[in-house]
Amino acid sequence: MRSRVIDLIITMVRHIRTGNSIHEIKPDQFSEYDKSEVSAAYSWVLQKHQAGELDKPGQKSLTKGQRILHHAERMLITREAYGYLIELFNIGIIDSDAMESIIENSMMNNFDKITLEKMKELVARHVFGKDSAKKPGGIYLSGNERVN
């Protein structure tokens, strides 16, 4: 469920990046998702938007260099998975510290190739994990939420 919420967040942030208002996002655009998934994604995007963290596209990538994978990391992380991380970084969903942490976790905890699906799980765990719930405004999803 959490990786589906990340997919929704990406779609919503892209919508904002194209110059549309966050208030133009309509829940019925996402009929293939559960209401709880749409609600969680919209809440996260709204929270980041209100904090001004989604206002300047590409600003993070201008202030710090692009993360290049070491040879051992390239052997384990597929191009698609790494490209996914770069996209999340460039649109502001993760910062450079989060990107580094996700890469480190993928190297330490896996012996198989990190595919796009595995990377989505790692990102979701990082964004919605227990550590983010302790932060002010953190959102923690356990996977069994219901929206009435």
C-alpha atoms as a PDB file:
ATOM      1  CA  MET A   1       0.000   0.000   0.000  1.00  0.00           C
ATOM      2  CA  ARG A   2       2.725   2.483   0.903  1.00  0.00           C
ATOM      3  CA  SER A   3       4.462   2.216  -2.472  1.00  0.00           C
ATOM      4  CA  ARG A   4       1.110   3.019  -4.117  1.00  0.00           C
ATOM      5  CA  VAL A   5       0.909   6.144  -1.971  1.00  0.00           C
ATOM      6  CA  ILE A   6       4.378   7.158  -3.192  1.00  0.00           C
ATOM      7  CA  ASP A   7       3.132   6.700  -6.781  1.00  0.00           C
ATOM      8  CA  LEU A   8       0.201   8.992  -5.987  1.00  0.00           C
ATOM      9  CA  ILE A   9       2.511  11.560  -4.407  1.00  0.00           C
ATOM     10  CA  ILE A  10       4.667  11.571  -7.543  1.00  0.00           C
ATOM     11  CA  THR A  11       1.589  12.131  -9.726  1.00  0.00           C
ATOM     12  CA  MET A  12       0.356  14.971  -7.505  1.00  0.00           C
ATOM     13  CA  VAL A  13       3.758  16.671  -7.316  1.00  0.00           C
ATOM     14  CA  ARG A  14       4.125  16.441 -11.098  1.00  0.00           C
ATOM     15  CA  HIS A  15       0.702  18.098 -11.373  1.00  0.00           C
ATOM     16  CA  ILE A  16       1.902  20.964  -9.190  1.00  0.00           C
ATOM     17  CA  ARG A  17       5.225  21.228 -11.064  1.00  0.00           C
ATOM     18  CA  THR A  18       3.378  21.792 -14.340  1.00  0.00           C
ATOM     19  CA  GLY A  19       1.942  24.999 -12.898  1.00  0.00           C
ATOM     20  CA  ASN A  20      -1.387  23.704 -11.643  1.00  0.00           C
ATOM     21  CA  SER A  21      -2.722  24.473  -8.192  1.00  0.00           C
ATOM     22  CA  ILE A  22      -2.773  21.822  -5.507  1.00  0.00           C
ATOM     23  CA  HIS A  23      -6.472  22.586  -5.093  1.00  0.00           C
ATOM     24  CA  GLU A  24      -7.108  21.485  -8.694  1.00  0.00           C
ATOM     25  CA  ILE A  25      -6.272  17.906  -7.711  1.00  0.00           C
ATOM     26  CA  LYS A  26      -9.558  16.002  -7.511  1.00  0.00           C
ATOM     27  CA  PRO A  27      -9.887  12.676  -5.667  1.00  0.00           C
ATOM     28  CA  ASP A  28     -11.999  11.201  -8.498  1.00  0.00           C
ATOM     29  CA  GLN A  29      -8.908  11.394 -10.755  1.00  0.00           C
ATOM     30  CA  PHE A  30      -7.529   8.471  -8.762  1.00  0.00           C
ATOM     31  CA  SER A  31     -10.396   5.986  -8.894  1.00  0.00           C
ATOM     32  CA  GLU A  32      -8.037   2.989  -9.059  1.00  0.00           C
ATOM     33  CA  TYR A  33      -6.693   3.822  -5.576  1.00  0.00           C
ATOM     34  CA  ASP A  34      -8.297   3.385  -2.167  1.00  0.00           C
ATOM     35  CA  LYS A  35      -9.640   6.491  -0.450  1.00  0.00           C
ATOM     36  CA  SER A  36      -7.108   6.034   2.344  1.00  0.00           C
ATOM     37  CA  GLU A  37      -4.238   5.995  -0.176  1.00  0.00           C
ATOM     38  CA  VAL A  38      -5.479   9.164  -1.881  1.00  0.00           C
ATOM     39  CA  SER A  39      -6.044  10.842   1.472  1.00  0.00           C
ATOM     40  CA  ALA A  40      -2.571   9.947   2.748  1.00  0.00           C
ATOM     41  CA  ALA A  41      -0.885  11.146  -0.465  1.00  0.00           C
ATOM     42  CA  TYR A  42      -2.876  14.381  -0.593  1.00  0.00           C
ATOM     43  CA  SER A  43      -2.147  15.088   3.081  1.00  0.00           C
ATOM     44  CA  TRP A  44       1.580  14.560   2.545  1.00  0.00           C
ATOM     45  CA  VAL A  45       1.663  16.781  -0.565  1.00  0.00           C
ATOM     46  CA  LEU A  46      -0.451  19.480   1.105  1.00  0.00           C
ATOM     47  CA  GLN A  47       1.814  19.452   4.149  1.00  0.00           C
ATOM     48  CA  LYS A  48       4.969  19.807   2.032  1.00  0.00           C
ATOM     49  CA  HIS A  49       3.314  22.459  -0.161  1.00  0.00           C
ATOM     50  CA  GLN A  50       2.272  24.547   2.855  1.00  0.00           C
ATOM     51  CA  ALA A  51       5.807  24.286   4.243  1.00  0.00           C
ATOM     52  CA  GLY A  52       7.122  25.656   0.920  1.00  0.00           C
ATOM     53  CA  GLU A  53       9.088  22.500   0.181  1.00  0.00           C
ATOM     54  CA  LEU A  54       7.469  21.963  -3.223  1.00  0.00           C
ATOM     55  CA  ASP A  55       7.618  25.532  -4.527  1.00  0.00           C
ATOM     56  CA  LYS A  56      11.014  25.566  -6.279  1.00  0.00           C
ATOM     57  CA  PRO A  57      11.509  22.689  -8.694  1.00  0.00           C
ATOM     58  CA  GLY A  58      15.084  21.565  -9.146  1.00  0.00           C
ATOM     59  CA  GLN A  59      16.414  23.852  -6.407  1.00  0.00           C
ATOM     60  CA  LYS A  60      17.798  20.945  -4.399  1.00  0.00           C
ATOM     61  CA  SER A  61      19.649  19.547  -7.374  1.00  0.00           C
ATOM     62  CA  LEU A  62      21.279  22.929  -8.017  1.00  0.00           C
ATOM     63  CA  THR A  63      22.632  23.351  -4.509  1.00  0.00           C
ATOM     64  CA  LYS A  64      24.218  19.897  -4.242  1.00  0.00           C
ATOM     65  CA  GLY A  65      25.827  17.688  -6.846  1.00  0.00           C
ATOM     66  CA  GLN A  66      24.162  14.625  -8.282  1.00  0.00           C
ATOM     67  CA  ARG A  67      24.774  11.383  -6.370  1.00  0.00           C
ATOM     68  CA  ILE A  68      26.816   8.929  -8.433  1.00  0.00           C
ATOM     69  CA  LEU A  69      26.740   5.251  -7.570  1.00  0.00           C
ATOM     70  CA  HIS A  70      29.928   3.420  -6.643  1.00  0.00           C
ATOM     71  CA  HIS A  71      30.777   0.319  -8.700  1.00  0.00           C
ATOM     72  CA  ALA A  72      29.444  -2.038  -6.003  1.00  0.00           C
ATOM     73  CA  GLU A  73      26.221  -0.012  -5.798  1.00  0.00           C
ATOM     74  CA  ARG A  74      25.815  -0.138  -9.591  1.00  0.00           C
ATOM     75  CA  MET A  75      26.161  -3.907  -9.423  1.00  0.00           C
ATOM     76  CA  LEU A  76      23.265  -4.166  -6.954  1.00  0.00           C
ATOM     77  CA  ILE A  77      20.913  -1.289  -7.890  1.00  0.00           C
ATOM     78  CA  THR A  78      19.281  -1.490 -11.323  1.00  0.00           C
ATOM     79  CA  ARG A  79      19.202   1.537 -13.612  1.00  0.00           C
ATOM     80  CA  GLU A  80      15.427   1.777 -13.269  1.00  0.00           C
ATOM     81  CA  ALA A  81      15.639   1.797  -9.474  1.00  0.00           C
ATOM     82  CA  TYR A  82      18.364   4.442  -9.475  1.00  0.00           C
ATOM     83  CA  GLY A  83      16.458   6.538 -12.017  1.00  0.00           C
ATOM     84  CA  TYR A  84      13.430   6.372  -9.729  1.00  0.00           C
ATOM     85  CA  LEU A  85      15.533   7.719  -6.843  1.00  0.00           C
ATOM     86  CA  ILE A  86      16.861  10.537  -9.013  1.00  0.00           C
ATOM     87  CA  GLU A  87      13.331  11.499 -10.041  1.00  0.00           C
ATOM     88  CA  LEU A  88      12.163  11.559  -6.420  1.00  0.00           C
ATOM     89  CA  PHE A  89      15.129  13.748  -5.552  1.00  0.00           C
ATOM     90  CA  ASN A  90      14.589  16.130  -8.459  1.00  0.00           C
ATOM     91  CA  ILE A  91      10.904  16.702  -7.734  1.00  0.00           C
ATOM     92  CA  GLY A  92      11.531  17.197  -4.026  1.00  0.00           C
ATOM     93  CA  ILE A  93      10.022  14.087  -2.462  1.00  0.00           C
ATOM     94  CA  ILE A  94      13.357  13.071  -0.934  1.00  0.00           C
ATOM     95  CA  ASP A  95      16.441  15.134  -0.139  1.00  0.00           C
ATOM     96  CA  SER A  96      20.087  14.175  -0.539  1.00  0.00           C
ATOM     97  CA  ASP A  97      20.298  12.783   2.996  1.00  0.00           C
ATOM     98  CA  ALA A  98      17.251  10.587   2.406  1.00  0.00           C
ATOM     99  CA  MET A  99      18.671   9.431  -0.915  1.00  0.00           C
ATOM    100  CA  GLU A 100      21.949   8.483   0.754  1.00  0.00           C
ATOM    101  CA  SER A 101      20.124   6.664   3.533  1.00  0.00           C
ATOM    102  CA  ILE A 102      18.003   4.694   1.064  1.00  0.00           C
ATOM    103  CA  ILE A 103      21.084   3.687  -0.953  1.00  0.00           C
ATOM    104  CA  GLU A 104      22.905   2.645   2.241  1.00  0.00           C
ATOM    105  CA  ASN A 105      19.922   0.580   3.395  1.00  0.00           C
ATOM    106  CA  SER A 106      19.675  -1.115   0.030  1.00  0.00           C
ATOM    107  CA  MET A 107      23.359  -2.059   0.184  1.00  0.00           C
ATOM    108  CA  MET A 108      23.303  -3.270   3.773  1.00  0.00           C
ATOM    109  CA  ASN A 109      20.086  -5.257   3.735  1.00  0.00           C
ATOM    110  CA  ASN A 110      19.984  -6.933   0.338  1.00  0.00           C
ATOM    111  CA  PHE A 111      21.970  -9.543  -1.515  1.00  0.00           C
ATOM    112  CA  ASP A 112      19.752  -9.564  -4.600  1.00  0.00           C
ATOM    113  CA  LYS A 113      19.424  -6.915  -7.281  1.00  0.00           C
ATOM    114  CA  ILE A 114      17.429  -3.887  -6.197  1.00  0.00           C
ATOM    115  CA  THR A 115      14.681  -3.690  -8.789  1.00  0.00           C
ATOM    116  CA  LEU A 116      12.271  -0.818  -9.243  1.00  0.00           C
ATOM    117  CA  GLU A 117       9.672  -2.575  -7.089  1.00  0.00           C
ATOM    118  CA  LYS A 118      12.159  -3.202  -4.269  1.00  0.00           C
ATOM    119  CA  MET A 119      13.315   0.424  -4.481  1.00  0.00           C
ATOM    120  CA  LYS A 120       9.706   1.613  -4.195  1.00  0.00           C
ATOM    121  CA  GLU A 121       9.376  -0.441  -1.015  1.00  0.00           C
ATOM    122  CA  LEU A 122      12.608   1.015   0.408  1.00  0.00           C
ATOM    123  CA  VAL A 123      11.500   4.567  -0.401  1.00  0.00           C
ATOM    124  CA  ALA A 124       8.063   4.023   1.112  1.00  0.00           C
ATOM    125  CA  ARG A 125       9.639   2.561   4.239  1.00  0.00           C
ATOM    126  CA  HIS A 126      11.874   5.620   4.498  1.00  0.00           C
ATOM    127  CA  VAL A 127       9.160   8.215   3.821  1.00  0.00           C
ATOM    128  CA  PHE A 128       6.430   6.592   5.920  1.00  0.00           C
ATOM    129  CA  GLY A 129       8.574   4.623   8.375  1.00  0.00           C
ATOM    130  CA  LYS A 130       8.513   4.829  12.131  1.00  0.00           C
ATOM    131  CA  ASP A 131      11.227   7.502  12.130  1.00  0.00           C
ATOM    132  CA  SER A 132       9.088   9.867  10.052  1.00  0.00           C
ATOM    133  CA  ALA A 133       6.157   9.359  12.426  1.00  0.00           C
ATOM    134  CA  LYS A 134       8.268  10.814  15.244  1.00  0.00           C
ATOM    135  CA  LYS A 135       8.983  13.966  13.263  1.00  0.00           C
ATOM    136  CA  PRO A 136       6.556  16.865  13.571  1.00  0.00           C
ATOM    137  CA  GLY A 137       3.915  16.370  10.921  1.00  0.00           C
ATOM    138  CA  GLY A 138       5.114  12.850  10.116  1.00  0.00           C
ATOM    139  CA  ILE A 139       2.680  10.426   8.551  1.00  0.00           C
ATOM    140  CA  TYR A 140       2.799   6.762   9.422  1.00  0.00           C
ATOM    141  CA  LEU A 141       0.779   4.243   7.444  1.00  0.00           C
ATOM    142  CA  SER A 142       0.337   0.754   8.754  1.00  0.00           C
ATOM    143  CA  GLY A 143      -1.544  -0.510   5.714  1.00  0.00           C
ATOM    144  CA  ASN A 144      -4.970  -1.040   7.244  1.00  0.00           C
ATOM    145  CA  GLU A 145      -6.369   2.511   7.313  1.00  0.00           C
ATOM    146  CA  ARG A 146      -9.951   3.334   6.385  1.00  0.00           C
ATOM    147  CA  VAL A 147     -11.433   6.653   5.427  1.00  0.00           C
ATOM    148  CA  ASN A 148     -15.128   7.082   6.122  1.00  0.00           C
END
